């Protein structure tokens, strides 16, 4: 009977030890997980944000063909 009590005590201690080790491992990883989540959140916000468009006059200058103020060449 004393053997059963000893074995039960050792089994419970072993299970608690493994439980504490696994909880400690999870808690050790928690700061890295939080940092990664913050980076993902910031990247998602940058992705969802609408792109900043340049002013319209800059677009017109870029799209205007070179030499557009001249007459097109005459067909022969």
PDB file of N, CA and C in Angstrom:
ATOM      1  N   UNK A   1       0.821  -1.191   0.000  1.00  0.00           N
ATOM      2  CA  UNK A   1       0.000   0.000   0.000  1.00  0.00           C
ATOM      3  C   UNK A   1       0.864   1.255   0.000  1.00  0.00           C
ATOM      4  N   UNK A   2       1.950   1.200   0.762  1.00  0.00           N
ATOM      5  CA  UNK A   2       2.830   2.367   0.786  1.00  0.00           C
ATOM      6  C   UNK A   2       3.522   2.551  -0.566  1.00  0.00           C
ATOM      7  N   UNK A   3       3.699   1.453  -1.263  1.00  0.00           N
ATOM      8  CA  UNK A   3       4.294   1.546  -2.596  1.00  0.00           C
ATOM      9  C   UNK A   3       3.358   2.274  -3.555  1.00  0.00           C
ATOM     10  N   UNK A   4       2.085   2.031  -3.471  1.00  0.00           N
ATOM     11  CA  UNK A   4       1.108   2.684  -4.339  1.00  0.00           C
ATOM     12  C   UNK A   4       1.053   4.177  -4.063  1.00  0.00           C
ATOM     13  N   UNK A   5       1.114   4.548  -2.793  1.00  0.00           N
ATOM     14  CA  UNK A   5       1.095   5.967  -2.429  1.00  0.00           C
ATOM     15  C   UNK A   5       2.352   6.654  -2.955  1.00  0.00           C
ATOM     16  N   UNK A   6       3.485   5.993  -2.837  1.00  0.00           N
ATOM     17  CA  UNK A   6       4.748   6.563  -3.320  1.00  0.00           C
ATOM     18  C   UNK A   6       4.717   6.734  -4.837  1.00  0.00           C
ATOM     19  N   UNK A   7       4.237   5.714  -5.543  1.00  0.00           N
ATOM     20  CA  UNK A   7       4.170   5.804  -6.998  1.00  0.00           C
ATOM     21  C   UNK A   7       3.186   6.882  -7.455  1.00  0.00           C
ATOM     22  N   UNK A   8       2.063   6.991  -6.765  1.00  0.00           N
ATOM     23  CA  UNK A   8       1.084   8.023  -7.104  1.00  0.00           C
ATOM     24  C   UNK A   8       1.669   9.413  -6.885  1.00  0.00           C
ATOM     25  N   UNK A   9       2.372   9.574  -5.777  1.00  0.00           N
ATOM     26  CA  UNK A   9       2.992  10.868  -5.472  1.00  0.00           C
ATOM     27  C   UNK A   9       4.028  11.221  -6.538  1.00  0.00           C
ATOM     28  N   UNK A  10       4.849  10.265  -6.926  1.00  0.00           N
ATOM     29  CA  UNK A  10       5.847  10.514  -7.959  1.00  0.00           C
ATOM     30  C   UNK A  10       5.192  10.811  -9.313  1.00  0.00           C
ATOM     31  N   UNK A  11       4.119  10.123  -9.650  1.00  0.00           N
ATOM     32  CA  UNK A  11       3.420  10.362 -10.909  1.00  0.00           C
ATOM     33  C   UNK A  11       2.818  11.763 -10.945  1.00  0.00           C
ATOM     34  N   UNK A  12       2.180  12.166  -9.849  1.00  0.00           N
ATOM     35  CA  UNK A  12       1.587  13.509  -9.785  1.00  0.00           C
ATOM     36  C   UNK A  12       2.678  14.570  -9.877  1.00  0.00           C
ATOM     37  N   UNK A  13       3.787  14.351  -9.190  1.00  0.00           N
ATOM     38  CA  UNK A  13       4.892  15.312  -9.246  1.00  0.00           C
ATOM     39  C   UNK A  13       5.451  15.397 -10.663  1.00  0.00           C
ATOM     40  N   UNK A  14       5.549  14.269 -11.355  1.00  0.00           N
ATOM     41  CA  UNK A  14       6.048  14.278 -12.728  1.00  0.00           C
ATOM     42  C   UNK A  14       5.123  15.023 -13.671  1.00  0.00           C
ATOM     43  N   UNK A  15       3.832  14.804 -13.531  1.00  0.00           N
ATOM     44  CA  UNK A  15       2.860  15.496 -14.383  1.00  0.00           C
ATOM     45  C   UNK A  15       2.891  16.993 -14.112  1.00  0.00           C
ATOM     46  N   UNK A  16       2.947  17.376 -12.841  1.00  0.00           N
ATOM     47  CA  UNK A  16       3.022  18.808 -12.520  1.00  0.00           C
ATOM     48  C   UNK A  16       4.309  19.430 -13.051  1.00  0.00           C
ATOM     49  N   UNK A  17       5.393  18.696 -12.969  1.00  0.00           N
ATOM     50  CA  UNK A  17       6.674  19.195 -13.471  1.00  0.00           C
ATOM     51  C   UNK A  17       6.593  19.445 -14.977  1.00  0.00           C
ATOM     52  N   UNK A  18       6.056  18.494 -15.724  1.00  0.00           N
ATOM     53  CA  UNK A  18       5.909  18.678 -17.168  1.00  0.00           C
ATOM     54  C   UNK A  18       4.965  19.836 -17.486  1.00  0.00           C
ATOM     55  N   UNK A  19       3.916  19.976 -16.704  1.00  0.00           N
ATOM     56  CA  UNK A  19       2.990  21.094 -16.908  1.00  0.00           C
ATOM     57  C   UNK A  19       3.669  22.435 -16.682  1.00  0.00           C
ATOM     58  N   UNK A  20       4.459  22.536 -15.614  1.00  0.00           N
ATOM     59  CA  UNK A  20       5.165  23.785 -15.335  1.00  0.00           C
ATOM     60  C   UNK A  20       6.195  24.095 -16.417  1.00  0.00           C
ATOM     61  N   UNK A  21       6.880  23.073 -16.905  1.00  0.00           N
ATOM     62  CA  UNK A  21       7.880  23.292 -17.950  1.00  0.00           C
ATOM     63  C   UNK A  21       7.208  23.778 -19.235  1.00  0.00           C
ATOM     64  N   UNK A  22       6.083  23.199 -19.591  1.00  0.00           N
ATOM     65  CA  UNK A  22       5.401  23.627 -20.821  1.00  0.00           C
ATOM     66  C   UNK A  22       4.841  25.042 -20.684  1.00  0.00           C
ATOM     67  N   UNK A  23       4.308  25.383 -19.522  1.00  0.00           N
ATOM     68  CA  UNK A  23       3.796  26.742 -19.305  1.00  0.00           C
ATOM     69  C   UNK A  23       4.940  27.749 -19.349  1.00  0.00           C
ATOM     70  N   UNK A  24       6.078  27.403 -18.754  1.00  0.00           N
ATOM     71  CA  UNK A  24       7.235  28.294 -18.786  1.00  0.00           C
ATOM     72  C   UNK A  24       7.711  28.504 -20.221  1.00  0.00           C
ATOM     73  N   UNK A  25       7.726  27.439 -21.024  1.00  0.00           N
ATOM     74  CA  UNK A  25       8.124  27.568 -22.421  1.00  0.00           C
ATOM     75  C   UNK A  25       7.195  28.490 -23.200  1.00  0.00           C
ATOM     76  N   UNK A  26       5.902  28.370 -22.958  1.00  0.00           N
ATOM     77  CA  UNK A  26       4.944  29.252 -23.632  1.00  0.00           C
ATOM     78  C   UNK A  26       5.120  30.705 -23.196  1.00  0.00           C
ATOM     79  N   UNK A  27       5.333  30.914 -21.908  1.00  0.00           N
ATOM     80  CA  UNK A  27       5.500  32.279 -21.414  1.00  0.00           C
ATOM     81  C   UNK A  27       6.807  32.898 -21.894  1.00  0.00           C
ATOM     82  N   UNK A  28       7.842  32.080 -22.110  1.00  0.00           N
ATOM     83  CA  UNK A  28       9.096  32.606 -22.637  1.00  0.00           C
ATOM     84  C   UNK A  28       8.940  33.080 -24.075  1.00  0.00           C
ATOM     85  N   UNK A  29       8.046  32.478 -24.830  1.00  0.00           N
ATOM     86  CA  UNK A  29       7.836  32.866 -26.220  1.00  0.00           C
ATOM     87  C   UNK A  29       6.858  34.022 -26.370  1.00  0.00           C
ATOM     88  N   UNK A  30       6.149  34.349 -25.342  1.00  0.00           N
ATOM     89  CA  UNK A  30       5.096  35.356 -25.427  1.00  0.00           C
ATOM     90  C   UNK A  30       5.591  36.730 -25.882  1.00  0.00           C
ATOM     91  N   UNK A  31       6.712  37.274 -25.376  1.00  0.00           N
ATOM     92  CA  UNK A  31       7.148  38.597 -25.860  1.00  0.00           C
ATOM     93  C   UNK A  31       7.441  38.620 -27.361  1.00  0.00           C
ATOM     94  N   UNK A  32       8.041  37.549 -27.887  1.00  0.00           N
ATOM     95  CA  UNK A  32       8.310  37.493 -29.320  1.00  0.00           C
ATOM     96  C   UNK A  32       7.016  37.425 -30.122  1.00  0.00           C
ATOM     97  N   UNK A  33       6.042  36.709 -29.620  1.00  0.00           N
ATOM     98  CA  UNK A  33       4.753  36.611 -30.313  1.00  0.00           C
ATOM     99  C   UNK A  33       4.063  37.970 -30.344  1.00  0.00           C
ATOM    100  N   UNK A  34       4.133  38.700 -29.256  1.00  0.00           N
ATOM    101  CA  UNK A  34       3.509  40.025 -29.201  1.00  0.00           C
ATOM    102  C   UNK A  34       4.209  40.979 -30.165  1.00  0.00           C
ATOM    103  N   UNK A  35       5.555  40.938 -30.221  1.00  0.00           N
ATOM    104  CA  UNK A  35       6.283  41.784 -31.165  1.00  0.00           C
ATOM    105  C   UNK A  35       5.919  41.446 -32.606  1.00  0.00           C
ATOM    106  N   UNK A  36       5.833  40.169 -32.911  1.00  0.00           N
ATOM    107  CA  UNK A  36       5.471  39.756 -34.267  1.00  0.00           C
ATOM    108  C   UNK A  36       4.056  40.197 -34.616  1.00  0.00           C
ATOM    109  N   UNK A  37       3.149  40.089 -33.670  1.00  0.00           N
ATOM    110  CA  UNK A  37       1.772  40.514 -33.918  1.00  0.00           C
ATOM    111  C   UNK A  37       1.711  42.019 -34.188  1.00  0.00           C
ATOM    112  N   UNK A  38       2.516  42.792 -33.483  1.00  0.00           N
ATOM    113  CA  UNK A  38       2.541  44.235 -33.718  1.00  0.00           C
ATOM    114  C   UNK A  38       3.077  44.544 -35.111  1.00  0.00           C
ATOM    115  N   UNK A  39       4.103  43.816 -35.549  1.00  0.00           N
ATOM    116  CA  UNK A  39       4.646  44.031 -36.889  1.00  0.00           C
ATOM    117  C   UNK A  39       3.620  43.667 -37.955  1.00  0.00           C
ATOM    118  N   UNK A  40       2.907  42.578 -37.741  1.00  0.00           N
ATOM    119  CA  UNK A  40       1.875  42.164 -38.702  1.00  0.00           C
ATOM    120  C   UNK A  40       0.763  43.204 -38.757  1.00  0.00           C
ATOM    121  N   UNK A  41       0.359  43.717 -37.597  1.00  0.00           N
ATOM    122  CA  UNK A  41      -0.697  44.734 -37.573  1.00  0.00           C
ATOM    123  C   UNK A  41      -0.261  45.992 -38.319  1.00  0.00           C
ATOM    124  N   UNK A  42       0.983  46.446 -38.110  1.00  0.00           N
ATOM    125  CA  UNK A  42       1.470  47.635 -38.797  1.00  0.00           C
ATOM    126  C   UNK A  42       1.563  47.406 -40.304  1.00  0.00           C
ATOM    127  N   UNK A  43       2.038  46.231 -40.703  1.00  0.00           N
ATOM    128  CA  UNK A  43       2.130  45.936 -42.130  1.00  0.00           C
ATOM    129  C   UNK A  43       0.740  45.884 -42.761  1.00  0.00           C
ATOM    130  N   UNK A  44      -0.221  45.325 -42.059  1.00  0.00           N
ATOM    131  CA  UNK A  44      -1.588  45.260 -42.576  1.00  0.00           C
ATOM    132  C   UNK A  44      -2.171  46.654 -42.731  1.00  0.00           C
ATOM    133  N   UNK A  45      -1.915  47.525 -41.776  1.00  0.00           N
ATOM    134  CA  UNK A  45      -2.418  48.901 -41.879  1.00  0.00           C
ATOM    135  C   UNK A  45      -1.780  49.631 -43.056  1.00  0.00           C
ATOM    136  N   UNK A  46      -0.462  49.420 -43.279  1.00  0.00           N
ATOM    137  CA  UNK A  46       0.189  50.039 -44.432  1.00  0.00           C
ATOM    138  C   UNK A  46      -0.380  49.492 -45.731  1.00  0.00           C
ATOM    139  N   UNK A  47      -0.691  48.207 -45.758  1.00  0.00           N
ATOM    140  CA  UNK A  47      -1.254  47.585 -46.953  1.00  0.00           C
ATOM    141  C   UNK A  47      -2.646  48.123 -47.250  1.00  0.00           C
ATOM    142  N   UNK A  48      -3.453  48.310 -46.230  1.00  0.00           N
ATOM    143  CA  UNK A  48      -4.837  48.751 -46.414  1.00  0.00           C
ATOM    144  C   UNK A  48      -4.953  50.246 -46.686  1.00  0.00           C
ATOM    145  N   UNK A  49      -3.932  51.017 -46.328  1.00  0.00           N
ATOM    146  CA  UNK A  49      -3.982  52.461 -46.523  1.00  0.00           C
ATOM    147  C   UNK A  49      -3.934  52.773 -48.010  1.00  0.00           C
ATOM    148  N   UNK A  50      -4.717  53.747 -48.444  1.00  0.00           N
ATOM    149  CA  UNK A  50      -4.730  54.127 -49.848  1.00  0.00           C
ATOM    150  C   UNK A  50      -3.405  54.806 -50.186  1.00  0.00           C
ATOM    151  N   UNK A  51      -2.889  54.560 -51.393  1.00  0.00           N
ATOM    152  CA  UNK A  51      -1.604  55.177 -51.765  1.00  0.00           C
ATOM    153  C   UNK A  51      -1.764  56.689 -51.915  1.00  0.00           C
ATOM    154  N   UNK A  52      -0.729  57.395 -51.562  1.00  0.00           N
ATOM    155  CA  UNK A  52      -0.731  58.849 -51.688  1.00  0.00           C
ATOM    156  C   UNK A  52      -0.455  59.206 -53.147  1.00  0.00           C
ATOM    157  N   UNK A  53      -1.400  59.883 -53.785  1.00  0.00           N
ATOM    158  CA  UNK A  53      -1.247  60.257 -55.183  1.00  0.00           C
ATOM    159  C   UNK A  53      -0.523  61.588 -55.284  1.00  0.00           C
ATOM    160  N   UNK A  54       0.345  61.758 -56.306  1.00  0.00           N
ATOM    161  CA  UNK A  54       1.024  63.047 -56.475  1.00  0.00           C
ATOM    162  C   UNK A  54       0.017  64.106 -56.930  1.00  0.00           C
ATOM    163  N   UNK A  55       0.371  65.369 -56.810  1.00  0.00           N
ATOM    164  CA  UNK A  55      -0.551  66.426 -57.251  1.00  0.00           C
ATOM    165  C   UNK A  55      -0.868  66.285 -58.741  1.00  0.00           C
ATOM    166  N   UNK A  56      -2.063  66.738 -59.183  1.00  0.00           N
ATOM    167  CA  UNK A  56      -2.471  66.547 -60.583  1.00  0.00           C
ATOM    168  C   UNK A  56      -1.537  67.203 -61.584  1.00  0.00           C
ATOM    169  N   UNK A  57      -0.961  68.374 -61.272  1.00  0.00           N
ATOM    170  CA  UNK A  57      -0.087  69.036 -62.231  1.00  0.00           C
ATOM    171  C   UNK A  57       1.172  68.207 -62.497  1.00  0.00           C
ATOM    172  N   UNK A  58       1.608  67.452 -61.545  1.00  0.00           N
ATOM    173  CA  UNK A  58       2.769  66.580 -61.772  1.00  0.00           C
ATOM    174  C   UNK A  58       2.383  65.461 -62.729  1.00  0.00           C
ATOM    175  N   UNK A  59       1.158  64.944 -62.615  1.00  0.00           N
ATOM    176  CA  UNK A  59       0.695  63.894 -63.519  1.00  0.00           C
ATOM    177  C   UNK A  59       0.614  64.408 -64.953  1.00  0.00           C
ATOM    178  N   UNK A  60       0.114  65.622 -65.132  1.00  0.00           N
ATOM    179  CA  UNK A  60      -0.037  66.172 -66.472  1.00  0.00           C
ATOM    180  C   UNK A  60       1.321  66.367 -67.135  1.00  0.00           C
ATOM    181  N   UNK A  61       2.317  66.809 -66.350  1.00  0.00           N
ATOM    182  CA  UNK A  61       3.645  67.003 -66.921  1.00  0.00           C
ATOM    183  C   UNK A  61       4.254  65.666 -67.325  1.00  0.00           C
ATOM    184  N   UNK A  62       4.038  64.642 -66.544  1.00  0.00           N
ATOM    185  CA  UNK A  62       4.624  63.336 -66.844  1.00  0.00           C
ATOM    186  C   UNK A  62       3.939  62.681 -68.044  1.00  0.00           C
ATOM    187  N   UNK A  63       2.643  62.890 -68.201  1.00  0.00           N
ATOM    188  CA  UNK A  63       1.898  62.239 -69.267  1.00  0.00           C
ATOM    189  C   UNK A  63       1.951  62.988 -70.586  1.00  0.00           C
ATOM    190  N   UNK A  64       2.340  64.250 -70.582  1.00  0.00           N
ATOM    191  CA  UNK A  64       2.369  65.029 -71.823  1.00  0.00           C
ATOM    192  C   UNK A  64       3.459  64.472 -72.734  1.00  0.00           C
ATOM    193  N   UNK A  65       3.117  64.163 -73.998  1.00  0.00           N
ATOM    194  CA  UNK A  65       4.138  63.636 -74.910  1.00  0.00           C
ATOM    195  C   UNK A  65       5.155  64.701 -75.259  1.00  0.00           C
ATOM    196  N   UNK A  66       6.346  64.261 -75.530  1.00  0.00           N
ATOM    197  CA  UNK A  66       7.421  65.189 -75.874  1.00  0.00           C
ATOM    198  C   UNK A  66       7.109  65.801 -77.237  1.00  0.00           C
ATOM    199  N   UNK A  67       7.239  67.123 -77.342  1.00  0.00           N
ATOM    200  CA  UNK A  67       7.003  67.821 -78.605  1.00  0.00           C
ATOM    201  C   UNK A  67       5.536  67.907 -78.960  1.00  0.00           C
ATOM    202  N   UNK A  68       4.641  67.894 -77.997  1.00  0.00           N
ATOM    203  CA  UNK A  68       3.205  67.941 -78.284  1.00  0.00           C
ATOM    204  C   UNK A  68       2.763  69.320 -78.764  1.00  0.00           C
ATOM    205  N   UNK A  69       3.583  70.345 -78.617  1.00  0.00           N
ATOM    206  CA  UNK A  69       3.210  71.680 -79.049  1.00  0.00           C
ATOM    207  C   UNK A  69       3.487  71.893 -80.537  1.00  0.00           C
ATOM    208  N   UNK A  70       4.075  70.922 -81.203  1.00  0.00           N
ATOM    209  CA  UNK A  70       4.374  71.034 -82.642  1.00  0.00           C
ATOM    210  C   UNK A  70       3.308  70.326 -83.454  1.00  0.00           C
ATOM    211  N   UNK A  71       3.265  70.686 -84.754  1.00  0.00           N
ATOM    212  CA  UNK A  71       2.335  70.057 -85.682  1.00  0.00           C
ATOM    213  C   UNK A  71       2.844  68.640 -85.998  1.00  0.00           C
ATOM    214  N   UNK A  72       1.935  67.707 -86.167  1.00  0.00           N
ATOM    215  CA  UNK A  72       2.397  66.370 -86.572  1.00  0.00           C
ATOM    216  C   UNK A  72       2.965  66.402 -87.977  1.00  0.00           C
ATOM    217  N   UNK A  73       3.863  65.484 -88.296  1.00  0.00           N
ATOM    218  CA  UNK A  73       4.448  65.502 -89.649  1.00  0.00           C
ATOM    219  C   UNK A  73       3.395  65.234 -90.730  1.00  0.00           C
ATOM    220  N   UNK A  74       3.552  65.903 -91.848  1.00  0.00           N
ATOM    221  CA  UNK A  74       2.587  65.757 -92.959  1.00  0.00           C
ATOM    222  C   UNK A  74       2.841  64.448 -93.678  1.00  0.00           C
ATOM    223  N   UNK A  75       1.762  63.835 -94.119  1.00  0.00           N
ATOM    224  CA  UNK A  75       1.897  62.576 -94.871  1.00  0.00           C
ATOM    225  C   UNK A  75       2.369  62.887 -96.283  1.00  0.00           C
ATOM    226  N   UNK A  76       3.222  62.074 -96.844  1.00  0.00           N
ATOM    227  CA  UNK A  76       3.771  62.344 -98.161  1.00  0.00           C
ATOM    228  C   UNK A  76       2.922  61.805 -99.276  1.00  0.00           C
TER     229      UNK A  76
END
